[in-house]
């Protein structure tokens, strides 16, 4: 099992990652996606994990569900930017995926995805012809950093994802 952390540019990232991810993978997705007819039903049936970004009091429940999936041998995939980026600059990362990896002791696999924003831009349900490229980086052991060096771990993972995705970091923009 791994904690996959990936940049996010399009709703099309989800199906692309589902068909390219090795092994059993479940995603943490915003709760509103679960309300979309057919698509949301598929997320629920697939045992994906809802997160309510507006209600931080539910974070513990989301974390517990993700930890349970990891114990079952399923990997977790998260978008640490928390939303779809609209530019070629990687957004700041949320801490949830890093805490999950640190507490579970499982490696983080940085993932970079390119091309999906042109295939399905934010705010557009139409899917356009195009090529998506997914690059999986080498696993990073969070135990080598520990909780005290979480900021260094976050920086290292961000740098690798930016490189894999062909994106700039905010400080480089």
N, C-alpha and C. Protein backbone atom coordinates (compact mmCIF):
# COMPACT_ATOMS: atom_id res chain seq x y z
N UNK A 1 0.83 -1.19 0.00
CA UNK A 1 0.00 0.00 0.00
C UNK A 1 0.87 1.25 0.00
N UNK A 2 0.35 2.28 -0.63
CA UNK A 2 1.05 3.56 -0.72
C UNK A 2 0.07 4.69 -0.48
N UNK A 3 0.61 5.86 -0.21
CA UNK A 3 -0.15 7.10 -0.23
C UNK A 3 0.32 7.83 -1.49
N UNK A 4 -0.52 7.84 -2.52
CA UNK A 4 -0.20 8.53 -3.76
C UNK A 4 -0.65 9.98 -3.62
N UNK A 5 0.24 10.92 -3.91
CA UNK A 5 -0.09 12.33 -3.90
C UNK A 5 0.16 12.90 -5.29
N UNK A 6 -0.87 13.55 -5.85
CA UNK A 6 -0.83 13.98 -7.25
C UNK A 6 -1.30 15.42 -7.39
N UNK A 7 -0.73 16.12 -8.39
CA UNK A 7 -1.26 17.44 -8.74
C UNK A 7 -2.66 17.27 -9.33
N UNK A 8 -3.40 18.37 -9.42
CA UNK A 8 -4.81 18.28 -9.85
C UNK A 8 -5.12 19.44 -10.79
N UNK A 9 -5.54 19.11 -12.02
CA UNK A 9 -5.85 20.13 -13.01
C UNK A 9 -7.22 19.97 -13.64
N UNK A 10 -7.89 18.81 -13.48
CA UNK A 10 -9.12 18.55 -14.20
C UNK A 10 -9.90 17.42 -13.54
N UNK A 11 -11.22 17.40 -13.74
CA UNK A 11 -12.00 16.23 -13.30
C UNK A 11 -11.56 14.99 -14.06
N UNK A 12 -10.98 15.18 -15.23
CA UNK A 12 -10.51 14.06 -16.03
C UNK A 12 -9.31 13.35 -15.38
N UNK A 13 -8.68 14.01 -14.39
CA UNK A 13 -7.59 13.37 -13.65
C UNK A 13 -8.05 12.06 -13.02
N UNK A 14 -9.29 12.06 -12.54
CA UNK A 14 -9.80 10.91 -11.78
C UNK A 14 -9.82 9.64 -12.62
N UNK A 15 -10.50 9.61 -13.78
CA UNK A 15 -10.48 8.36 -14.56
C UNK A 15 -9.09 8.00 -15.07
N UNK A 16 -8.29 9.00 -15.41
CA UNK A 16 -6.93 8.72 -15.90
C UNK A 16 -6.11 8.03 -14.81
N UNK A 17 -6.21 8.52 -13.59
CA UNK A 17 -5.46 7.93 -12.48
C UNK A 17 -6.00 6.55 -12.10
N UNK A 18 -7.31 6.37 -12.20
CA UNK A 18 -7.89 5.07 -11.86
C UNK A 18 -7.39 3.97 -12.80
N UNK A 19 -7.21 4.29 -14.08
CA UNK A 19 -6.76 3.25 -15.02
C UNK A 19 -5.25 3.08 -15.04
N UNK A 20 -4.49 4.04 -14.50
CA UNK A 20 -3.03 3.91 -14.52
C UNK A 20 -2.43 3.53 -13.17
N UNK A 21 -3.20 3.67 -12.09
CA UNK A 21 -2.66 3.39 -10.76
C UNK A 21 -2.42 1.89 -10.57
N UNK A 22 -1.26 1.55 -10.03
CA UNK A 22 -0.99 0.14 -9.77
C UNK A 22 -1.75 -0.36 -8.55
N UNK A 23 -2.32 -1.53 -8.65
CA UNK A 23 -3.01 -2.15 -7.51
C UNK A 23 -4.33 -1.48 -7.20
N UNK A 24 -4.87 -1.82 -6.04
CA UNK A 24 -6.14 -1.26 -5.56
C UNK A 24 -5.90 0.14 -5.01
N UNK A 25 -6.63 1.11 -5.54
CA UNK A 25 -6.49 2.50 -5.11
C UNK A 25 -7.86 3.09 -4.86
N UNK A 26 -7.99 3.85 -3.78
CA UNK A 26 -9.20 4.60 -3.50
C UNK A 26 -8.80 6.05 -3.30
N UNK A 27 -9.67 6.93 -3.72
CA UNK A 27 -9.40 8.36 -3.67
C UNK A 27 -10.17 9.02 -2.54
N UNK A 28 -9.59 10.05 -1.98
CA UNK A 28 -10.31 10.94 -1.09
C UNK A 28 -10.83 12.05 -1.99
N UNK A 29 -12.16 12.25 -2.00
CA UNK A 29 -12.77 13.22 -2.90
C UNK A 29 -13.75 14.10 -2.14
N UNK A 30 -13.91 15.33 -2.63
CA UNK A 30 -14.82 16.24 -1.95
C UNK A 30 -16.24 15.68 -1.97
N UNK A 31 -16.92 15.89 -0.86
CA UNK A 31 -18.25 15.31 -0.63
C UNK A 31 -19.24 15.67 -1.73
N UNK A 32 -19.15 16.85 -2.29
CA UNK A 32 -20.11 17.27 -3.32
C UNK A 32 -20.06 16.38 -4.56
N UNK A 33 -18.92 15.76 -4.84
CA UNK A 33 -18.83 14.85 -5.99
C UNK A 33 -19.71 13.61 -5.80
N UNK A 34 -19.93 13.24 -4.55
CA UNK A 34 -20.76 12.07 -4.25
C UNK A 34 -22.24 12.34 -4.51
N UNK A 35 -22.61 13.61 -4.71
CA UNK A 35 -24.00 13.99 -4.95
C UNK A 35 -24.35 14.02 -6.44
N UNK A 36 -23.35 13.86 -7.31
CA UNK A 36 -23.60 13.88 -8.75
C UNK A 36 -24.21 12.54 -9.16
N UNK A 37 -25.41 12.56 -9.77
CA UNK A 37 -26.03 11.29 -10.18
C UNK A 37 -25.08 10.45 -11.04
N UNK A 38 -25.11 9.20 -10.87
CA UNK A 38 -24.33 8.16 -11.54
C UNK A 38 -22.86 8.25 -11.13
N UNK A 39 -22.18 9.38 -11.37
CA UNK A 39 -20.78 9.53 -11.00
C UNK A 39 -20.61 9.35 -9.49
N UNK A 40 -21.41 10.07 -8.72
CA UNK A 40 -21.34 9.99 -7.26
C UNK A 40 -21.70 8.62 -6.74
N UNK A 41 -22.69 7.99 -7.38
CA UNK A 41 -23.07 6.64 -6.98
C UNK A 41 -21.89 5.69 -7.19
N UNK A 42 -21.16 5.89 -8.27
CA UNK A 42 -19.98 5.06 -8.54
C UNK A 42 -18.90 5.26 -7.48
N UNK A 43 -18.70 6.51 -7.07
CA UNK A 43 -17.72 6.78 -6.01
C UNK A 43 -18.10 6.07 -4.72
N UNK A 44 -19.38 6.15 -4.38
CA UNK A 44 -19.85 5.51 -3.15
C UNK A 44 -19.73 3.99 -3.24
N UNK A 45 -20.16 3.42 -4.36
CA UNK A 45 -20.08 1.97 -4.55
C UNK A 45 -18.64 1.48 -4.56
N UNK A 46 -17.72 2.33 -5.05
CA UNK A 46 -16.31 1.98 -5.10
C UNK A 46 -15.57 2.18 -3.79
N UNK A 47 -16.30 2.60 -2.76
CA UNK A 47 -15.73 2.81 -1.42
C UNK A 47 -14.68 3.92 -1.41
N UNK A 48 -14.93 4.96 -2.24
CA UNK A 48 -14.09 6.14 -2.17
C UNK A 48 -14.42 6.89 -0.89
N UNK A 49 -13.57 7.79 -0.49
CA UNK A 49 -13.69 8.41 0.82
C UNK A 49 -14.09 9.88 0.67
N UNK A 50 -15.27 10.25 1.18
CA UNK A 50 -15.69 11.65 1.07
C UNK A 50 -15.01 12.52 2.12
N UNK A 51 -14.69 13.75 1.72
CA UNK A 51 -14.16 14.73 2.66
C UNK A 51 -15.02 15.99 2.53
N UNK A 52 -15.44 16.50 3.67
CA UNK A 52 -16.25 17.72 3.70
C UNK A 52 -15.30 18.87 4.03
N UNK A 53 -14.90 19.60 3.01
CA UNK A 53 -13.92 20.67 3.20
C UNK A 53 -14.49 21.84 4.00
N UNK A 54 -15.82 21.97 4.02
CA UNK A 54 -16.46 23.07 4.74
C UNK A 54 -16.60 22.77 6.23
N UNK A 55 -16.52 21.50 6.62
CA UNK A 55 -16.72 21.10 8.01
C UNK A 55 -15.49 20.35 8.51
N UNK A 56 -14.58 21.07 9.11
CA UNK A 56 -13.33 20.48 9.58
C UNK A 56 -13.54 19.45 10.69
N UNK A 57 -14.69 19.49 11.35
CA UNK A 57 -14.94 18.55 12.45
C UNK A 57 -15.06 17.11 11.93
N UNK A 58 -15.27 16.93 10.63
CA UNK A 58 -15.38 15.58 10.06
C UNK A 58 -14.04 15.04 9.58
N UNK A 59 -12.96 15.82 9.73
CA UNK A 59 -11.64 15.40 9.25
C UNK A 59 -11.19 14.09 9.90
N UNK A 60 -11.50 13.92 11.17
CA UNK A 60 -11.10 12.69 11.87
C UNK A 60 -11.77 11.46 11.27
N UNK A 61 -13.03 11.60 10.88
CA UNK A 61 -13.75 10.48 10.26
C UNK A 61 -13.14 10.15 8.90
N UNK A 62 -12.81 11.16 8.12
CA UNK A 62 -12.18 10.95 6.81
C UNK A 62 -10.83 10.25 6.99
N UNK A 63 -10.06 10.73 7.96
CA UNK A 63 -8.74 10.15 8.24
C UNK A 63 -8.89 8.68 8.65
N UNK A 64 -9.86 8.38 9.49
CA UNK A 64 -10.08 7.00 9.96
C UNK A 64 -10.47 6.09 8.80
N UNK A 65 -11.32 6.57 7.88
CA UNK A 65 -11.70 5.76 6.72
C UNK A 65 -10.49 5.49 5.83
N UNK A 66 -9.66 6.50 5.60
CA UNK A 66 -8.47 6.33 4.77
C UNK A 66 -7.50 5.34 5.43
N UNK A 67 -7.30 5.46 6.73
CA UNK A 67 -6.41 4.55 7.45
C UNK A 67 -6.93 3.11 7.37
N UNK A 68 -8.25 2.95 7.46
CA UNK A 68 -8.84 1.61 7.36
C UNK A 68 -8.59 1.00 5.99
N UNK A 69 -8.74 1.80 4.93
CA UNK A 69 -8.47 1.29 3.57
C UNK A 69 -7.01 0.87 3.44
N UNK A 70 -6.10 1.65 4.02
CA UNK A 70 -4.68 1.30 3.97
C UNK A 70 -4.41 -0.02 4.69
N UNK A 71 -5.04 -0.22 5.84
CA UNK A 71 -4.86 -1.47 6.59
C UNK A 71 -5.39 -2.66 5.80
N UNK A 72 -6.40 -2.43 4.95
CA UNK A 72 -6.96 -3.50 4.11
C UNK A 72 -6.05 -3.83 2.92
N UNK A 73 -4.98 -3.04 2.73
CA UNK A 73 -4.08 -3.28 1.62
C UNK A 73 -4.37 -2.43 0.39
N UNK A 74 -5.30 -1.51 0.53
CA UNK A 74 -5.64 -0.60 -0.56
C UNK A 74 -4.80 0.66 -0.43
N UNK A 75 -4.30 1.17 -1.54
CA UNK A 75 -3.58 2.44 -1.52
C UNK A 75 -4.58 3.59 -1.54
N UNK A 76 -4.14 4.75 -1.08
CA UNK A 76 -4.96 5.96 -1.08
C UNK A 76 -4.32 6.98 -2.01
N UNK A 77 -5.17 7.62 -2.81
CA UNK A 77 -4.71 8.68 -3.70
C UNK A 77 -5.38 9.98 -3.29
N UNK A 78 -4.56 11.01 -3.13
CA UNK A 78 -5.08 12.31 -2.72
C UNK A 78 -4.48 13.40 -3.60
N UNK A 79 -5.24 14.49 -3.73
CA UNK A 79 -4.78 15.68 -4.41
C UNK A 79 -4.45 16.72 -3.34
N UNK A 80 -3.19 16.83 -2.92
CA UNK A 80 -2.88 17.70 -1.79
C UNK A 80 -3.09 19.20 -2.06
N UNK A 81 -3.26 19.59 -3.33
CA UNK A 81 -3.57 20.99 -3.61
C UNK A 81 -4.97 21.34 -3.09
N UNK A 82 -5.83 20.32 -2.99
CA UNK A 82 -7.17 20.52 -2.46
C UNK A 82 -8.19 21.00 -3.47
N UNK A 83 -7.74 21.46 -4.61
CA UNK A 83 -8.63 21.91 -5.68
C UNK A 83 -7.86 21.86 -6.99
N UNK A 84 -8.57 22.07 -8.07
CA UNK A 84 -7.91 22.04 -9.39
C UNK A 84 -7.20 23.36 -9.64
N UNK A 85 -5.93 23.27 -9.99
CA UNK A 85 -5.16 24.45 -10.32
C UNK A 85 -5.48 24.93 -11.73
N UNK A 86 -5.50 26.23 -11.93
CA UNK A 86 -5.85 26.80 -13.23
C UNK A 86 -4.65 27.29 -14.03
N UNK A 87 -3.46 27.20 -13.42
CA UNK A 87 -2.25 27.70 -14.08
C UNK A 87 -1.19 26.60 -14.07
N UNK A 88 0.01 26.97 -14.49
CA UNK A 88 1.13 26.03 -14.48
C UNK A 88 1.96 26.15 -13.20
N UNK A 89 1.33 26.66 -12.14
CA UNK A 89 1.98 26.78 -10.84
C UNK A 89 1.29 25.82 -9.87
N UNK A 90 2.07 25.00 -9.20
CA UNK A 90 1.54 24.06 -8.21
C UNK A 90 1.06 24.84 -7.00
N UNK A 91 -0.18 24.61 -6.61
CA UNK A 91 -0.77 25.30 -5.46
C UNK A 91 -0.16 24.78 -4.16
N UNK A 92 -0.30 25.55 -3.07
CA UNK A 92 0.18 25.06 -1.76
C UNK A 92 -0.54 23.76 -1.39
N UNK A 93 0.13 22.93 -0.60
CA UNK A 93 -0.41 21.62 -0.24
C UNK A 93 -1.11 21.65 1.11
N UNK A 94 -2.19 20.87 1.19
CA UNK A 94 -2.86 20.59 2.46
C UNK A 94 -2.04 19.51 3.17
N UNK A 95 -2.21 19.37 4.46
CA UNK A 95 -1.35 18.46 5.23
C UNK A 95 -1.88 17.04 5.37
N UNK A 96 -3.14 16.77 5.02
CA UNK A 96 -3.77 15.49 5.29
C UNK A 96 -3.02 14.28 4.75
N UNK A 97 -2.59 14.31 3.51
CA UNK A 97 -1.89 13.18 2.92
C UNK A 97 -0.56 12.89 3.61
N UNK A 98 0.10 13.94 4.05
CA UNK A 98 1.39 13.77 4.73
C UNK A 98 1.18 13.16 6.12
N UNK A 99 0.16 13.64 6.83
CA UNK A 99 -0.13 13.06 8.15
C UNK A 99 -0.55 11.60 8.03
N UNK A 100 -1.33 11.29 6.99
CA UNK A 100 -1.75 9.90 6.77
C UNK A 100 -0.53 9.01 6.54
N UNK A 101 0.40 9.46 5.72
CA UNK A 101 1.61 8.68 5.45
C UNK A 101 2.47 8.56 6.71
N UNK A 102 2.64 9.65 7.42
CA UNK A 102 3.47 9.61 8.63
C UNK A 102 2.87 8.69 9.69
N UNK A 103 1.56 8.77 9.90
CA UNK A 103 0.92 7.94 10.93
C UNK A 103 0.82 6.48 10.53
N UNK A 104 0.65 6.21 9.23
CA UNK A 104 0.54 4.82 8.78
C UNK A 104 1.91 4.19 8.56
N UNK A 105 2.94 5.03 8.38
CA UNK A 105 4.28 4.53 8.11
C UNK A 105 4.45 4.07 6.66
N UNK A 106 3.48 4.35 5.81
CA UNK A 106 3.55 3.91 4.41
C UNK A 106 4.20 4.97 3.53
N UNK A 107 4.89 4.54 2.49
CA UNK A 107 5.58 5.49 1.62
C UNK A 107 4.63 6.37 0.82
N UNK A 108 5.11 7.57 0.53
CA UNK A 108 4.42 8.50 -0.35
C UNK A 108 4.99 8.31 -1.75
N UNK A 109 4.10 8.17 -2.73
CA UNK A 109 4.52 8.11 -4.13
C UNK A 109 4.06 9.41 -4.79
N UNK A 110 5.02 10.26 -5.21
CA UNK A 110 4.63 11.47 -5.92
C UNK A 110 4.17 11.12 -7.33
N UNK A 111 3.09 11.79 -7.77
CA UNK A 111 2.52 11.53 -9.09
C UNK A 111 2.33 12.86 -9.80
N UNK A 112 2.78 12.91 -11.04
CA UNK A 112 2.59 14.10 -11.86
C UNK A 112 1.71 13.76 -13.04
N UNK A 113 0.72 14.60 -13.29
CA UNK A 113 -0.19 14.37 -14.41
C UNK A 113 -0.18 15.62 -15.29
N UNK A 114 -0.10 15.38 -16.61
CA UNK A 114 -0.07 16.47 -17.59
C UNK A 114 -1.15 16.24 -18.64
N UNK A 115 -1.66 17.32 -19.18
CA UNK A 115 -2.54 17.24 -20.34
C UNK A 115 -4.02 17.18 -20.05
N UNK A 116 -4.42 16.93 -18.83
CA UNK A 116 -5.85 16.74 -18.55
C UNK A 116 -6.63 18.05 -18.55
N UNK A 117 -5.97 19.16 -18.24
CA UNK A 117 -6.68 20.44 -18.23
C UNK A 117 -7.17 20.79 -19.64
N UNK A 118 -6.41 20.45 -20.67
CA UNK A 118 -6.83 20.70 -22.06
C UNK A 118 -7.95 19.73 -22.47
N UNK A 119 -7.94 18.54 -21.90
CA UNK A 119 -8.96 17.53 -22.24
C UNK A 119 -10.31 17.91 -21.63
N UNK A 120 -10.29 18.36 -20.37
CA UNK A 120 -11.54 18.77 -19.72
C UNK A 120 -11.24 19.93 -18.76
N UNK A 121 -11.34 21.17 -19.27
CA UNK A 121 -11.06 22.33 -18.42
C UNK A 121 -12.05 22.46 -17.27
N UNK A 122 -11.62 23.11 -16.21
CA UNK A 122 -12.50 23.35 -15.06
C UNK A 122 -13.72 24.14 -15.52
N UNK A 123 -14.89 23.74 -15.04
CA UNK A 123 -16.12 24.42 -15.39
C UNK A 123 -16.73 23.96 -16.71
N UNK A 124 -16.16 22.92 -17.30
CA UNK A 124 -16.63 22.45 -18.61
C UNK A 124 -16.83 20.94 -18.52
N UNK A 125 -18.03 20.47 -18.84
CA UNK A 125 -18.30 19.03 -18.80
C UNK A 125 -17.86 18.33 -20.08
N UNK A 126 -17.61 19.10 -21.15
CA UNK A 126 -17.21 18.49 -22.42
C UNK A 126 -15.80 17.92 -22.31
N UNK A 127 -15.60 16.79 -22.97
CA UNK A 127 -14.28 16.15 -23.00
C UNK A 127 -13.75 16.30 -24.43
N UNK A 128 -12.55 16.87 -24.54
CA UNK A 128 -11.92 17.14 -25.84
C UNK A 128 -10.81 16.11 -26.10
N UNK A 129 -10.55 15.79 -27.35
CA UNK A 129 -9.45 14.87 -27.65
C UNK A 129 -8.12 15.44 -27.13
N UNK A 130 -7.28 14.56 -26.66
CA UNK A 130 -5.98 15.00 -26.17
C UNK A 130 -5.22 13.84 -25.56
N UNK A 131 -4.05 14.14 -25.09
CA UNK A 131 -3.18 13.14 -24.49
C UNK A 131 -2.91 13.51 -23.03
N UNK A 132 -3.11 12.55 -22.17
CA UNK A 132 -2.78 12.71 -20.76
C UNK A 132 -1.55 11.85 -20.47
N UNK A 133 -0.62 12.41 -19.72
CA UNK A 133 0.59 11.69 -19.35
C UNK A 133 0.66 11.64 -17.83
N UNK A 134 0.79 10.43 -17.29
CA UNK A 134 0.90 10.25 -15.84
C UNK A 134 2.28 9.68 -15.55
N UNK A 135 3.00 10.33 -14.63
CA UNK A 135 4.34 9.88 -14.25
C UNK A 135 4.35 9.59 -12.75
N UNK A 136 4.78 8.38 -12.41
CA UNK A 136 4.88 7.97 -11.01
C UNK A 136 6.33 8.05 -10.58
N UNK A 137 6.59 8.77 -9.48
CA UNK A 137 7.93 8.90 -8.96
C UNK A 137 8.29 7.77 -8.02
N UNK A 138 9.54 7.78 -7.58
CA UNK A 138 10.01 6.78 -6.62
C UNK A 138 9.37 7.06 -5.26
N UNK A 139 9.03 5.98 -4.52
CA UNK A 139 8.44 6.16 -3.19
C UNK A 139 9.38 6.91 -2.25
N UNK A 140 8.78 7.72 -1.39
CA UNK A 140 9.52 8.48 -0.37
C UNK A 140 9.08 7.95 0.99
N UNK A 141 10.05 7.55 1.81
CA UNK A 141 9.75 7.02 3.14
C UNK A 141 9.53 8.16 4.12
N UNK A 142 8.31 8.35 4.61
CA UNK A 142 8.07 9.45 5.54
C UNK A 142 8.78 9.28 6.88
N UNK A 143 9.10 8.03 7.23
CA UNK A 143 9.79 7.78 8.50
C UNK A 143 11.18 8.42 8.51
N UNK A 144 11.77 8.60 7.34
CA UNK A 144 13.08 9.25 7.25
C UNK A 144 13.00 10.72 7.66
N UNK A 145 11.79 11.29 7.66
CA UNK A 145 11.58 12.68 8.02
C UNK A 145 10.97 12.82 9.41
N UNK A 146 9.95 12.01 9.69
CA UNK A 146 9.26 12.11 10.97
C UNK A 146 8.42 13.36 11.07
N UNK A 147 7.64 13.47 12.15
CA UNK A 147 6.76 14.62 12.33
C UNK A 147 7.51 15.94 12.46
N UNK A 148 8.69 15.89 13.06
CA UNK A 148 9.46 17.12 13.26
C UNK A 148 9.93 17.74 11.95
N UNK A 149 10.12 16.90 10.93
CA UNK A 149 10.62 17.39 9.64
C UNK A 149 9.53 17.30 8.56
N UNK A 150 8.26 17.43 8.98
CA UNK A 150 7.15 17.34 8.04
C UNK A 150 7.24 18.42 6.97
N UNK A 151 7.71 19.61 7.33
CA UNK A 151 7.84 20.69 6.35
C UNK A 151 8.84 20.31 5.26
N UNK A 152 9.94 19.66 5.64
CA UNK A 152 10.93 19.20 4.65
C UNK A 152 10.34 18.12 3.75
N UNK A 153 9.59 17.20 4.35
CA UNK A 153 8.92 16.15 3.58
C UNK A 153 7.97 16.78 2.56
N UNK A 154 7.17 17.73 3.02
CA UNK A 154 6.22 18.41 2.13
C UNK A 154 6.95 19.09 0.99
N UNK A 155 8.04 19.79 1.29
CA UNK A 155 8.82 20.47 0.25
C UNK A 155 9.38 19.47 -0.77
N UNK A 156 9.91 18.36 -0.28
CA UNK A 156 10.49 17.34 -1.17
C UNK A 156 9.42 16.76 -2.10
N UNK A 157 8.27 16.41 -1.54
CA UNK A 157 7.18 15.83 -2.35
C UNK A 157 6.67 16.86 -3.35
N UNK A 158 6.49 18.11 -2.93
CA UNK A 158 6.03 19.17 -3.85
C UNK A 158 7.01 19.33 -5.01
N UNK A 159 8.30 19.34 -4.71
CA UNK A 159 9.30 19.51 -5.76
C UNK A 159 9.25 18.35 -6.75
N UNK A 160 9.09 17.14 -6.25
CA UNK A 160 9.03 15.98 -7.15
C UNK A 160 7.77 15.99 -8.00
N UNK A 161 6.62 16.32 -7.39
CA UNK A 161 5.38 16.38 -8.16
C UNK A 161 5.48 17.47 -9.23
N UNK A 162 6.01 18.63 -8.86
CA UNK A 162 6.16 19.73 -9.83
C UNK A 162 7.02 19.28 -11.01
N UNK A 163 8.11 18.59 -10.72
CA UNK A 163 8.99 18.10 -11.78
C UNK A 163 8.28 17.08 -12.67
N UNK A 164 7.59 16.13 -12.05
CA UNK A 164 6.87 15.08 -12.82
C UNK A 164 5.75 15.67 -13.68
N UNK A 165 5.12 16.74 -13.18
CA UNK A 165 3.97 17.33 -13.87
C UNK A 165 4.36 18.48 -14.79
N UNK A 166 5.64 18.88 -14.76
CA UNK A 166 6.06 20.01 -15.59
C UNK A 166 5.48 21.33 -15.09
N UNK A 167 5.32 21.46 -13.77
CA UNK A 167 4.75 22.66 -13.18
C UNK A 167 5.83 23.43 -12.42
N UNK A 168 5.54 24.70 -12.16
CA UNK A 168 6.42 25.54 -11.36
C UNK A 168 5.92 25.54 -9.92
N UNK A 169 6.83 25.72 -9.00
CA UNK A 169 6.45 25.94 -7.60
C UNK A 169 6.16 27.42 -7.43
N UNK A 170 5.32 27.79 -6.50
CA UNK A 170 4.90 29.18 -6.31
C UNK A 170 6.12 30.09 -6.17
N UNK A 171 7.15 29.64 -5.47
CA UNK A 171 8.33 30.48 -5.25
C UNK A 171 9.15 30.66 -6.53
N UNK A 172 8.91 29.84 -7.56
CA UNK A 172 9.64 29.96 -8.83
C UNK A 172 8.86 30.80 -9.84
N UNK A 173 7.55 30.97 -9.61
CA UNK A 173 6.67 31.60 -10.60
C UNK A 173 6.96 33.06 -10.83
